[in-house]
Amino acid sequence: MPQRPKYILPDISEAHNVGRNIAAVRRRKGLSQKKLAEKTGLTQALISHYETGRLSVPVEIVIQIAISLKVHADELLGINS
């Protein structure tokens, strides 16, 4: 019998959900898009595109942003345990 998954995974095909999570955490940490861009080595325009859902966030970038914001990537992906 198959085991139930440990995590409830969100539908991450909707890029705007991940972007909204990034924006919410960034604001909670008191950072501007420009400051987050500096911390991650990305451009402010790219951060904006991710946050608005215009671009999907590659998993490597999610990890990079999570490290810069000092949070778990799960929080940015909207994964609940």
C-alpha atoms as a PDB file:
ATOM      1  CA  MET A   1       0.000   0.000   0.000  1.00  0.00           C
ATOM      2  CA  PRO A   2       1.495   3.390  -0.966  1.00  0.00           C
ATOM      3  CA  GLN A   3       2.476   5.709   1.852  1.00  0.00           C
ATOM      4  CA  ARG A   4       0.940   9.135   2.184  1.00  0.00           C
ATOM      5  CA  PRO A   5       3.336  11.949   1.318  1.00  0.00           C
ATOM      6  CA  LYS A   6       4.957  13.742   4.242  1.00  0.00           C
ATOM      7  CA  TYR A   7       4.267  17.162   2.732  1.00  0.00           C
ATOM      8  CA  ILE A   8       1.241  18.717   1.141  1.00  0.00           C
ATOM      9  CA  LEU A   9       2.695  20.116  -2.045  1.00  0.00           C
ATOM     10  CA  PRO A  10       1.238  23.253  -3.596  1.00  0.00           C
ATOM     11  CA  ASP A  11       0.482  23.629  -7.269  1.00  0.00           C
ATOM     12  CA  ILE A  12       3.740  25.392  -8.066  1.00  0.00           C
ATOM     13  CA  SER A  13       2.792  25.666 -11.717  1.00  0.00           C
ATOM     14  CA  GLU A  14       1.316  29.011 -10.666  1.00  0.00           C
ATOM     15  CA  ALA A  15       4.453  31.127 -10.533  1.00  0.00           C
ATOM     16  CA  HIS A  16       2.652  34.030  -8.911  1.00  0.00           C
ATOM     17  CA  ASN A  17       2.176  32.040  -5.685  1.00  0.00           C
ATOM     18  CA  VAL A  18       5.913  31.556  -5.214  1.00  0.00           C
ATOM     19  CA  GLY A  19       6.499  35.169  -6.224  1.00  0.00           C
ATOM     20  CA  ARG A  20       3.939  36.415  -3.723  1.00  0.00           C
ATOM     21  CA  ASN A  21       5.620  34.376  -1.004  1.00  0.00           C
ATOM     22  CA  ILE A  22       9.004  35.851  -1.906  1.00  0.00           C
ATOM     23  CA  ALA A  23       7.537  39.373  -1.802  1.00  0.00           C
ATOM     24  CA  ALA A  24       5.819  38.754   1.541  1.00  0.00           C
ATOM     25  CA  VAL A  25       8.957  37.402   3.200  1.00  0.00           C
ATOM     26  CA  ARG A  26      11.097  40.156   1.690  1.00  0.00           C
ATOM     27  CA  ARG A  27       8.758  42.831   3.083  1.00  0.00           C
ATOM     28  CA  ARG A  28       8.580  41.075   6.461  1.00  0.00           C
ATOM     29  CA  LYS A  29      12.379  41.198   6.587  1.00  0.00           C
ATOM     30  CA  GLY A  30      12.294  44.923   5.746  1.00  0.00           C
ATOM     31  CA  LEU A  31      14.123  44.613   2.435  1.00  0.00           C
ATOM     32  CA  SER A  32      13.491  46.425  -0.818  1.00  0.00           C
ATOM     33  CA  GLN A  33      13.645  44.576  -4.122  1.00  0.00           C
ATOM     34  CA  LYS A  34      16.899  46.393  -4.808  1.00  0.00           C
ATOM     35  CA  LYS A  35      18.444  45.227  -1.511  1.00  0.00           C
ATOM     36  CA  LEU A  36      17.341  41.628  -2.109  1.00  0.00           C
ATOM     37  CA  ALA A  37      18.799  41.850  -5.614  1.00  0.00           C
ATOM     38  CA  GLU A  38      22.133  42.975  -4.163  1.00  0.00           C
ATOM     39  CA  LYS A  39      22.127  40.139  -1.611  1.00  0.00           C
ATOM     40  CA  THR A  40      21.358  37.506  -4.266  1.00  0.00           C
ATOM     41  CA  GLY A  41      23.398  38.861  -7.159  1.00  0.00           C
ATOM     42  CA  LEU A  42      20.266  39.181  -9.288  1.00  0.00           C
ATOM     43  CA  THR A  43      18.819  42.350 -10.796  1.00  0.00           C
ATOM     44  CA  GLN A  44      15.962  44.300  -9.249  1.00  0.00           C
ATOM     45  CA  ALA A  45      13.985  43.803 -12.478  1.00  0.00           C
ATOM     46  CA  LEU A  46      14.369  40.029 -12.196  1.00  0.00           C
ATOM     47  CA  ILE A  47      13.202  40.074  -8.567  1.00  0.00           C
ATOM     48  CA  SER A  48      10.188  42.114  -9.688  1.00  0.00           C
ATOM     49  CA  HIS A  49       9.382  39.652 -12.488  1.00  0.00           C
ATOM     50  CA  TYR A  50       9.558  36.740 -10.047  1.00  0.00           C
ATOM     51  CA  GLU A  51       7.403  38.477  -7.446  1.00  0.00           C
ATOM     52  CA  THR A  52       4.700  39.403  -9.948  1.00  0.00           C
ATOM     53  CA  GLY A  53       4.667  35.951 -11.544  1.00  0.00           C
ATOM     54  CA  ARG A  54       5.803  37.185 -14.943  1.00  0.00           C
ATOM     55  CA  LEU A  55       8.630  34.655 -14.709  1.00  0.00           C
ATOM     56  CA  SER A  56       8.728  31.281 -12.992  1.00  0.00           C
ATOM     57  CA  VAL A  57      11.407  31.052 -10.331  1.00  0.00           C
ATOM     58  CA  PRO A  58      13.921  28.258 -11.004  1.00  0.00           C
ATOM     59  CA  VAL A  59      14.528  26.035  -7.988  1.00  0.00           C
ATOM     60  CA  GLU A  60      18.162  27.142  -7.795  1.00  0.00           C
ATOM     61  CA  ILE A  61      17.021  30.765  -7.483  1.00  0.00           C
ATOM     62  CA  VAL A  62      14.428  29.850  -4.843  1.00  0.00           C
ATOM     63  CA  ILE A  63      17.256  28.350  -2.791  1.00  0.00           C
ATOM     64  CA  GLN A  64      19.480  31.381  -3.386  1.00  0.00           C
ATOM     65  CA  ILE A  65      16.699  33.766  -2.316  1.00  0.00           C
ATOM     66  CA  ALA A  66      15.846  31.611   0.719  1.00  0.00           C
ATOM     67  CA  ILE A  67      19.474  31.704   1.864  1.00  0.00           C
ATOM     68  CA  SER A  68      19.598  35.483   1.378  1.00  0.00           C
ATOM     69  CA  LEU A  69      16.364  35.937   3.338  1.00  0.00           C
ATOM     70  CA  LYS A  70      17.461  33.392   5.983  1.00  0.00           C
ATOM     71  CA  VAL A  71      14.322  31.260   5.627  1.00  0.00           C
ATOM     72  CA  HIS A  72      13.634  27.717   4.484  1.00  0.00           C
ATOM     73  CA  ALA A  73      12.870  27.295   0.793  1.00  0.00           C
ATOM     74  CA  ASP A  74       9.676  25.495   1.895  1.00  0.00           C
ATOM     75  CA  GLU A  75       8.297  28.825   3.073  1.00  0.00           C
ATOM     76  CA  LEU A  76       8.874  30.437  -0.312  1.00  0.00           C
ATOM     77  CA  LEU A  77       7.379  27.433  -2.117  1.00  0.00           C
ATOM     78  CA  GLY A  78       4.358  27.356   0.178  1.00  0.00           C
ATOM     79  CA  ILE A  79       5.014  23.801   1.350  1.00  0.00           C
ATOM     80  CA  ASN A  80       3.273  22.925   4.598  1.00  0.00           C
ATOM     81  CA  SER A  81       4.212  19.966   6.738  1.00  0.00           C
END
